[in-house]
N, C-alpha and C. Protein backbone atom coordinates (compact mmCIF):
# COMPACT_ATOMS: atom_id res chain seq x y z
N MET A 1 150.41 6.57 215.80
CA MET A 1 151.70 7.22 215.92
C MET A 1 152.76 6.23 215.44
N SER A 2 153.80 6.74 214.80
CA SER A 2 154.85 5.86 214.30
C SER A 2 156.22 6.35 214.75
N ALA A 3 157.18 5.45 214.73
CA ALA A 3 158.53 5.73 215.22
C ALA A 3 159.30 6.60 214.24
N THR A 4 159.91 7.65 214.77
CA THR A 4 160.72 8.57 213.97
C THR A 4 162.15 8.56 214.49
N LEU A 5 163.08 8.35 213.58
CA LEU A 5 164.50 8.43 213.90
C LEU A 5 165.03 9.76 213.36
N ILE A 6 165.64 10.55 214.25
CA ILE A 6 166.30 11.79 213.84
C ILE A 6 167.79 11.53 213.95
N LEU A 7 168.45 11.51 212.79
CA LEU A 7 169.84 11.11 212.67
C LEU A 7 170.70 12.30 212.27
N GLY A 8 171.60 12.70 213.16
CA GLY A 8 172.53 13.78 212.86
C GLY A 8 173.86 13.20 212.41
N ILE A 9 174.39 13.71 211.32
CA ILE A 9 175.62 13.18 210.74
C ILE A 9 176.70 14.26 210.77
N GLY A 10 177.93 13.82 211.04
CA GLY A 10 179.05 14.74 210.93
C GLY A 10 180.10 14.55 211.99
N ASN A 11 181.23 15.19 211.77
CA ASN A 11 182.36 15.15 212.68
C ASN A 11 182.41 16.47 213.43
N THR A 12 182.11 16.44 214.72
CA THR A 12 182.03 17.67 215.51
C THR A 12 183.39 18.29 215.81
N LEU A 13 184.46 17.67 215.36
CA LEU A 13 185.80 18.25 215.52
C LEU A 13 186.19 19.10 214.32
N LEU A 14 185.33 19.12 213.28
CA LEU A 14 185.64 19.85 212.06
C LEU A 14 184.59 20.93 211.77
N SER A 15 184.31 21.74 212.76
CA SER A 15 183.43 22.90 212.62
C SER A 15 182.10 22.53 211.94
N ASP A 16 181.84 23.07 210.76
CA ASP A 16 180.55 22.88 210.10
C ASP A 16 180.31 21.46 209.62
N GLU A 17 181.33 20.63 209.56
CA GLU A 17 181.16 19.22 209.18
C GLU A 17 180.25 18.53 210.21
N GLY A 18 180.23 19.03 211.44
CA GLY A 18 179.42 18.44 212.50
C GLY A 18 178.02 18.99 212.61
N THR A 19 177.56 19.70 211.61
CA THR A 19 176.26 20.38 211.66
C THR A 19 175.13 19.46 212.07
N GLY A 20 175.03 18.30 211.47
CA GLY A 20 173.94 17.38 211.78
C GLY A 20 173.92 16.98 213.23
N VAL A 21 175.08 16.70 213.79
CA VAL A 21 175.18 16.31 215.19
C VAL A 21 174.82 17.49 216.09
N HIS A 22 175.25 18.70 215.72
CA HIS A 22 174.90 19.89 216.51
C HIS A 22 173.38 20.10 216.54
N VAL A 23 172.71 19.86 215.42
CA VAL A 23 171.25 20.01 215.39
C VAL A 23 170.60 18.95 216.29
N VAL A 24 171.08 17.72 216.24
CA VAL A 24 170.51 16.67 217.10
C VAL A 24 170.70 17.03 218.57
N HIS A 25 171.86 17.53 218.94
CA HIS A 25 172.09 17.93 220.33
C HIS A 25 171.14 19.07 220.74
N TYR A 26 170.91 20.01 219.85
CA TYR A 26 169.96 21.09 220.11
C TYR A 26 168.56 20.52 220.34
N LEU A 27 168.14 19.61 219.47
CA LEU A 27 166.82 19.00 219.61
C LEU A 27 166.69 18.24 220.92
N GLN A 28 167.72 17.48 221.29
CA GLN A 28 167.69 16.73 222.54
C GLN A 28 167.54 17.67 223.73
N GLN A 29 168.19 18.81 223.66
CA GLN A 29 168.15 19.77 224.76
C GLN A 29 166.79 20.47 224.85
N HIS A 30 166.23 20.85 223.70
CA HIS A 30 165.00 21.64 223.69
C HIS A 30 163.72 20.82 223.57
N TYR A 31 163.82 19.60 223.08
CA TYR A 31 162.65 18.74 222.89
C TYR A 31 162.95 17.33 223.40
N PRO A 32 163.26 17.19 224.68
CA PRO A 32 163.58 15.85 225.20
C PRO A 32 162.33 14.99 225.35
N ASN A 33 162.53 13.70 225.30
CA ASN A 33 161.47 12.73 225.61
C ASN A 33 160.22 12.86 224.76
N LEU A 34 160.36 13.13 223.48
CA LEU A 34 159.20 13.14 222.60
C LEU A 34 158.74 11.72 222.38
N PRO A 35 157.45 11.49 222.41
CA PRO A 35 156.96 10.13 222.18
C PRO A 35 157.28 9.65 220.76
N GLU A 36 157.75 8.42 220.70
CA GLU A 36 158.03 7.77 219.41
C GLU A 36 159.12 8.46 218.59
N VAL A 37 159.99 9.24 219.24
CA VAL A 37 161.09 9.91 218.54
C VAL A 37 162.40 9.48 219.19
N THR A 38 163.35 9.05 218.35
CA THR A 38 164.68 8.68 218.80
C THR A 38 165.69 9.61 218.16
N TYR A 39 166.56 10.18 218.97
CA TYR A 39 167.65 11.01 218.47
C TYR A 39 168.90 10.15 218.40
N LEU A 40 169.67 10.29 217.34
CA LEU A 40 170.88 9.49 217.19
C LEU A 40 171.99 10.33 216.58
N ASP A 41 173.12 10.35 217.28
CA ASP A 41 174.34 10.98 216.78
C ASP A 41 174.99 9.94 215.89
N GLY A 42 174.89 10.14 214.57
CA GLY A 42 175.42 9.18 213.61
C GLY A 42 176.89 9.38 213.32
N GLY A 43 177.50 10.40 213.91
CA GLY A 43 178.91 10.64 213.71
C GLY A 43 179.26 10.69 212.24
N THR A 44 180.29 9.95 211.88
CA THR A 44 180.75 9.95 210.49
C THR A 44 180.24 8.72 209.74
N LEU A 45 179.15 8.17 210.20
CA LEU A 45 178.44 7.06 209.55
C LEU A 45 179.18 5.72 209.65
N SER A 46 178.41 4.67 209.71
CA SER A 46 178.94 3.31 209.61
C SER A 46 177.77 2.39 209.32
N PHE A 47 178.08 1.16 208.96
CA PHE A 47 177.03 0.19 208.65
C PHE A 47 176.18 -0.12 209.86
N THR A 48 176.64 0.18 211.07
CA THR A 48 175.84 -0.09 212.27
C THR A 48 174.57 0.75 212.30
N LEU A 49 174.49 1.80 211.50
CA LEU A 49 173.28 2.62 211.45
C LEU A 49 172.18 1.98 210.62
N ALA A 50 172.48 0.93 209.88
CA ALA A 50 171.46 0.27 209.05
C ALA A 50 170.32 -0.26 209.92
N GLY A 51 170.63 -0.80 211.10
CA GLY A 51 169.60 -1.34 211.99
C GLY A 51 168.62 -0.29 212.46
N PRO A 52 169.10 0.80 213.07
CA PRO A 52 168.15 1.84 213.50
C PRO A 52 167.33 2.43 212.35
N ILE A 53 167.93 2.56 211.18
CA ILE A 53 167.18 3.08 210.02
C ILE A 53 166.09 2.09 209.64
N ALA A 54 166.41 0.81 209.65
CA ALA A 54 165.42 -0.22 209.30
C ALA A 54 164.26 -0.25 210.29
N ASP A 55 164.52 0.08 211.54
CA ASP A 55 163.48 0.05 212.58
C ASP A 55 162.56 1.26 212.55
N ALA A 56 162.93 2.29 211.81
CA ALA A 56 162.16 3.54 211.80
C ALA A 56 161.07 3.52 210.74
N ASP A 57 159.93 4.12 211.10
CA ASP A 57 158.88 4.36 210.12
C ASP A 57 159.16 5.67 209.38
N ASN A 58 159.76 6.60 210.10
CA ASN A 58 160.09 7.92 209.56
C ASN A 58 161.56 8.20 209.85
N LEU A 59 162.24 8.78 208.89
CA LEU A 59 163.67 9.08 209.04
C LEU A 59 163.91 10.53 208.69
N ILE A 60 164.55 11.25 209.61
CA ILE A 60 164.98 12.62 209.35
C ILE A 60 166.49 12.65 209.54
N VAL A 61 167.22 12.99 208.48
CA VAL A 61 168.67 13.06 208.53
C VAL A 61 169.07 14.52 208.41
N ILE A 62 169.99 14.95 209.26
CA ILE A 62 170.51 16.31 209.18
C ILE A 62 172.00 16.22 208.90
N ASP A 63 172.47 16.98 207.90
CA ASP A 63 173.88 16.91 207.52
C ASP A 63 174.29 18.20 206.83
N ALA A 64 175.59 18.46 206.86
CA ALA A 64 176.14 19.53 206.04
C ALA A 64 176.01 19.07 204.59
N ALA A 65 175.60 19.97 203.72
CA ALA A 65 175.38 19.60 202.32
C ALA A 65 175.82 20.74 201.42
N HIS A 66 176.43 20.39 200.32
CA HIS A 66 176.83 21.39 199.33
C HIS A 66 175.61 21.74 198.49
N LEU A 67 175.00 22.86 198.83
CA LEU A 67 173.77 23.29 198.18
C LEU A 67 174.01 24.39 197.15
N GLU A 68 175.28 24.79 197.01
CA GLU A 68 175.64 25.91 196.13
C GLU A 68 174.85 27.15 196.54
N ALA A 69 174.87 27.41 197.86
CA ALA A 69 174.13 28.53 198.43
C ALA A 69 175.01 29.24 199.46
N GLU A 70 174.49 30.28 200.05
CA GLU A 70 175.21 31.01 201.09
C GLU A 70 175.39 30.12 202.32
N PRO A 71 176.48 30.28 203.06
CA PRO A 71 176.67 29.51 204.30
C PRO A 71 175.47 29.68 205.23
N GLY A 72 175.02 28.56 205.77
CA GLY A 72 173.87 28.56 206.66
C GLY A 72 172.54 28.34 205.95
N ALA A 73 172.54 28.37 204.61
CA ALA A 73 171.29 28.11 203.88
C ALA A 73 170.84 26.67 204.17
N MET A 74 169.54 26.49 204.21
CA MET A 74 168.99 25.17 204.51
C MET A 74 168.05 24.76 203.39
N GLN A 75 168.10 23.48 203.04
CA GLN A 75 167.17 22.94 202.06
C GLN A 75 166.69 21.60 202.57
N ILE A 76 165.41 21.33 202.36
CA ILE A 76 164.81 20.09 202.83
C ILE A 76 164.43 19.25 201.63
N PHE A 77 164.90 18.01 201.63
CA PHE A 77 164.64 17.06 200.55
C PHE A 77 163.76 15.94 201.12
N VAL A 78 162.63 15.68 200.47
CA VAL A 78 161.67 14.70 200.98
C VAL A 78 161.56 13.52 200.02
N ASN A 79 161.59 12.31 200.59
CA ASN A 79 161.41 11.05 199.89
C ASN A 79 162.23 10.98 198.60
N ALA A 80 161.58 10.95 197.44
CA ALA A 80 162.30 10.79 196.17
C ALA A 80 163.29 11.92 195.91
N ASP A 81 162.97 13.13 196.38
CA ASP A 81 163.92 14.24 196.22
C ASP A 81 165.19 13.98 197.02
N MET A 82 165.03 13.38 198.21
CA MET A 82 166.20 13.00 199.02
C MET A 82 167.03 11.97 198.27
N ASP A 83 166.37 10.97 197.71
CA ASP A 83 167.07 9.93 196.97
C ASP A 83 167.84 10.51 195.79
N ARG A 84 167.21 11.43 195.06
CA ARG A 84 167.87 12.06 193.91
C ARG A 84 169.08 12.87 194.36
N PHE A 85 168.91 13.65 195.43
CA PHE A 85 170.02 14.46 195.92
C PHE A 85 171.19 13.57 196.34
N LEU A 86 170.91 12.51 197.05
CA LEU A 86 171.97 11.60 197.48
C LEU A 86 172.65 10.93 196.29
N GLY A 87 171.89 10.70 195.24
CA GLY A 87 172.44 10.08 194.04
C GLY A 87 173.37 10.99 193.27
N THR A 88 173.22 12.31 193.46
CA THR A 88 174.06 13.26 192.73
C THR A 88 175.13 13.88 193.61
N ALA A 89 175.08 13.59 194.92
CA ALA A 89 176.05 14.18 195.84
C ALA A 89 177.44 13.62 195.59
N LYS A 90 178.42 14.40 195.98
CA LYS A 90 179.82 13.96 195.86
C LYS A 90 180.07 12.76 196.77
N LEU A 91 181.10 12.02 196.49
CA LEU A 91 181.45 10.89 197.33
C LEU A 91 181.73 11.33 198.75
N SER A 92 181.28 10.54 199.69
CA SER A 92 181.48 10.86 201.10
C SER A 92 182.91 10.56 201.52
N VAL A 93 183.43 11.36 202.46
CA VAL A 93 184.75 11.07 203.01
C VAL A 93 184.63 10.07 204.16
N HIS A 94 183.40 9.71 204.49
CA HIS A 94 183.17 8.80 205.59
C HIS A 94 183.29 7.35 205.12
N GLU A 95 183.40 6.45 206.08
CA GLU A 95 183.51 5.01 205.78
C GLU A 95 182.35 4.55 204.90
N VAL A 96 181.17 5.00 205.24
CA VAL A 96 179.95 4.63 204.53
C VAL A 96 179.22 5.92 204.23
N GLY A 97 178.61 6.02 203.07
CA GLY A 97 177.83 7.20 202.74
C GLY A 97 176.37 7.00 203.10
N LEU A 98 175.64 8.09 203.27
CA LEU A 98 174.21 8.01 203.55
C LEU A 98 173.49 7.28 202.42
N ALA A 99 173.91 7.51 201.19
CA ALA A 99 173.29 6.82 200.06
C ALA A 99 173.44 5.30 200.21
N ASP A 100 174.60 4.84 200.73
CA ASP A 100 174.80 3.41 200.96
C ASP A 100 173.78 2.87 201.96
N LEU A 101 173.56 3.62 203.04
CA LEU A 101 172.62 3.18 204.07
C LEU A 101 171.18 3.15 203.54
N ILE A 102 170.82 4.12 202.72
CA ILE A 102 169.49 4.14 202.11
C ILE A 102 169.35 2.97 201.15
N ASP A 103 170.41 2.66 200.40
CA ASP A 103 170.38 1.50 199.49
C ASP A 103 170.20 0.19 200.25
N ILE A 104 170.88 0.06 201.40
CA ILE A 104 170.73 -1.14 202.23
C ILE A 104 169.27 -1.28 202.67
N ALA A 105 168.68 -0.18 203.12
CA ALA A 105 167.29 -0.21 203.56
C ALA A 105 166.36 -0.58 202.40
N ARG A 106 166.64 -0.05 201.22
CA ARG A 106 165.81 -0.36 200.06
C ARG A 106 165.95 -1.84 199.69
N LEU A 107 167.17 -2.35 199.69
CA LEU A 107 167.41 -3.75 199.32
C LEU A 107 166.83 -4.74 200.32
N THR A 108 166.76 -4.34 201.58
CA THR A 108 166.20 -5.23 202.61
C THR A 108 164.73 -4.94 202.87
N ASP A 109 164.14 -4.11 202.05
CA ASP A 109 162.73 -3.75 202.14
C ASP A 109 162.38 -3.13 203.51
N THR A 110 163.31 -2.32 204.02
CA THR A 110 163.10 -1.64 205.31
C THR A 110 163.24 -0.13 205.18
N LEU A 111 163.09 0.39 203.98
CA LEU A 111 163.20 1.83 203.75
C LEU A 111 162.06 2.53 204.49
N PRO A 112 162.39 3.50 205.35
CA PRO A 112 161.32 4.21 206.06
C PRO A 112 160.31 4.82 205.09
N ALA A 113 159.04 4.74 205.44
CA ALA A 113 157.96 5.24 204.58
C ALA A 113 158.13 6.73 204.29
N ARG A 114 158.55 7.48 205.30
CA ARG A 114 158.79 8.90 205.13
C ARG A 114 160.25 9.16 205.48
N ARG A 115 160.94 9.85 204.58
CA ARG A 115 162.35 10.17 204.84
C ARG A 115 162.63 11.57 204.34
N VAL A 116 163.45 12.25 205.13
CA VAL A 116 163.75 13.65 204.87
C VAL A 116 165.23 13.88 205.12
N LEU A 117 165.84 14.65 204.26
CA LEU A 117 167.20 15.13 204.47
C LEU A 117 167.14 16.63 204.66
N VAL A 118 167.63 17.09 205.80
CA VAL A 118 167.75 18.53 206.06
C VAL A 118 169.22 18.86 205.81
N GLY A 119 169.48 19.51 204.69
CA GLY A 119 170.84 19.87 204.32
C GLY A 119 171.12 21.32 204.67
N ILE A 120 172.28 21.56 205.27
CA ILE A 120 172.68 22.91 205.64
C ILE A 120 174.03 23.22 205.00
N GLN A 121 174.08 24.32 204.27
CA GLN A 121 175.30 24.72 203.57
C GLN A 121 176.38 25.10 204.58
N PRO A 122 177.53 24.43 204.56
CA PRO A 122 178.61 24.77 205.48
C PRO A 122 179.37 26.02 205.02
N PHE A 123 180.11 26.59 205.95
CA PHE A 123 181.03 27.68 205.64
C PHE A 123 182.46 27.19 205.69
N GLN A 124 182.79 26.38 206.70
CA GLN A 124 184.17 25.92 206.87
C GLN A 124 184.21 24.50 207.43
N PHE A 125 185.31 23.82 207.14
CA PHE A 125 185.53 22.47 207.66
C PHE A 125 186.83 22.38 208.44
N GLY A 126 187.34 23.50 208.91
CA GLY A 126 188.60 23.50 209.66
C GLY A 126 188.39 22.96 211.07
N TRP A 127 189.51 22.80 211.78
CA TRP A 127 189.45 22.33 213.15
C TRP A 127 188.62 23.29 213.99
N GLY A 128 187.77 22.73 214.82
CA GLY A 128 186.94 23.52 215.72
C GLY A 128 185.74 22.73 216.15
N ASP A 129 185.36 22.85 217.41
CA ASP A 129 184.24 22.05 217.91
C ASP A 129 182.91 22.80 217.91
N GLN A 130 182.88 23.97 217.27
CA GLN A 130 181.65 24.75 217.15
C GLN A 130 181.41 25.08 215.69
N PRO A 131 180.14 25.16 215.28
CA PRO A 131 179.87 25.57 213.90
C PRO A 131 180.15 27.05 213.70
N SER A 132 180.34 27.43 212.46
CA SER A 132 180.55 28.85 212.12
C SER A 132 179.29 29.63 212.52
N PRO A 133 179.40 30.95 212.69
CA PRO A 133 178.22 31.74 213.07
C PRO A 133 177.04 31.58 212.11
N ALA A 134 177.30 31.51 210.82
CA ALA A 134 176.21 31.36 209.84
C ALA A 134 175.47 30.05 210.04
N VAL A 135 176.20 28.98 210.26
CA VAL A 135 175.58 27.67 210.46
C VAL A 135 174.91 27.60 211.83
N ALA A 136 175.56 28.16 212.86
CA ALA A 136 174.98 28.16 214.21
C ALA A 136 173.63 28.87 214.22
N ALA A 137 173.49 29.94 213.44
CA ALA A 137 172.23 30.67 213.38
C ALA A 137 171.12 29.84 212.73
N THR A 138 171.48 28.86 211.93
CA THR A 138 170.49 28.03 211.24
C THR A 138 169.99 26.87 212.11
N ILE A 139 170.74 26.50 213.13
CA ILE A 139 170.38 25.33 213.94
C ILE A 139 168.98 25.44 214.54
N PRO A 140 168.61 26.54 215.20
CA PRO A 140 167.24 26.63 215.74
C PRO A 140 166.17 26.59 214.64
N LYS A 141 166.48 27.17 213.49
CA LYS A 141 165.54 27.16 212.36
C LYS A 141 165.33 25.73 211.86
N ALA A 142 166.42 24.98 211.75
CA ALA A 142 166.31 23.59 211.32
C ALA A 142 165.50 22.79 212.33
N ALA A 143 165.75 23.01 213.62
CA ALA A 143 165.00 22.31 214.67
C ALA A 143 163.52 22.61 214.57
N SER A 144 163.17 23.86 214.33
CA SER A 144 161.77 24.25 214.19
C SER A 144 161.10 23.53 213.01
N LYS A 145 161.79 23.48 211.88
CA LYS A 145 161.25 22.78 210.69
C LYS A 145 161.04 21.30 211.00
N ILE A 146 162.00 20.71 211.69
CA ILE A 146 161.91 19.29 212.04
C ILE A 146 160.73 19.04 212.97
N MET A 147 160.55 19.89 213.96
CA MET A 147 159.42 19.72 214.88
C MET A 147 158.09 19.87 214.15
N THR A 148 158.02 20.78 213.20
CA THR A 148 156.80 20.94 212.40
C THR A 148 156.50 19.67 211.62
N MET A 149 157.53 19.05 211.04
CA MET A 149 157.33 17.79 210.30
C MET A 149 156.81 16.70 211.23
N ILE A 150 157.44 16.56 212.38
CA ILE A 150 157.02 15.51 213.32
C ILE A 150 155.60 15.74 213.78
N GLN A 151 155.26 16.97 214.08
CA GLN A 151 153.91 17.29 214.51
C GLN A 151 152.90 16.92 213.42
N LYS A 152 153.22 17.22 212.20
CA LYS A 152 152.34 16.88 211.08
C LYS A 152 152.20 15.36 210.95
N TRP A 153 153.32 14.65 211.03
CA TRP A 153 153.28 13.20 210.90
C TRP A 153 152.51 12.54 212.03
N GLN A 154 152.69 13.04 213.24
CA GLN A 154 152.05 12.42 214.40
C GLN A 154 150.64 12.94 214.62
N GLY A 155 150.32 14.08 214.02
CA GLY A 155 148.99 14.63 214.17
C GLY A 155 148.70 15.12 215.57
N VAL A 156 149.73 15.49 216.31
CA VAL A 156 149.55 15.96 217.68
C VAL A 156 150.40 17.20 217.91
N GLY A 157 150.06 17.95 218.92
CA GLY A 157 150.87 19.11 219.29
C GLY A 157 152.10 18.66 220.05
N LEU A 158 153.18 19.34 219.86
CA LEU A 158 154.42 19.03 220.56
C LEU A 158 154.76 20.19 221.50
N PRO A 159 155.45 19.88 222.59
CA PRO A 159 155.84 20.95 223.50
C PRO A 159 156.81 21.91 222.82
N CYS A 160 156.67 23.14 223.16
CA CYS A 160 157.58 24.14 222.59
C CYS A 160 158.80 24.31 223.47
N CYS A 161 159.90 24.52 222.89
CA CYS A 161 161.19 24.87 223.48
C CYS A 161 161.25 24.51 224.93
């Protein structure tokens, strides 16, 4: 079994911008105390996240992403596909971008062996502490996909809901 970091990114004061953090909170509530799994609210990112990323064997990042799709659409990017997507994404409004953190891990030879980005198409970024209905409906679906990945990686059954 190997250590998995589940990192939710976003600002929960800006509706769908906080999607990643909302998914992490859902996972913590429905799947607490999973062996070898750490949940982390990454907020709006900072260099302090480089350490936890370096310590992980597996990394799952959840974030609002411009997928050019309907609000609430979800796309999963694995390993090199994640790297390519981050390389083509628009500049982050955050202090540090996810691509910067992945580059730090690569340069320090601590890039997690398995890494996944779960991107969810936002609807709005206005003031509000809840995601839009379209994004809120995707949160349980994203959690289910994430649990399936972890189960596959760990080779064990996980408790349901």
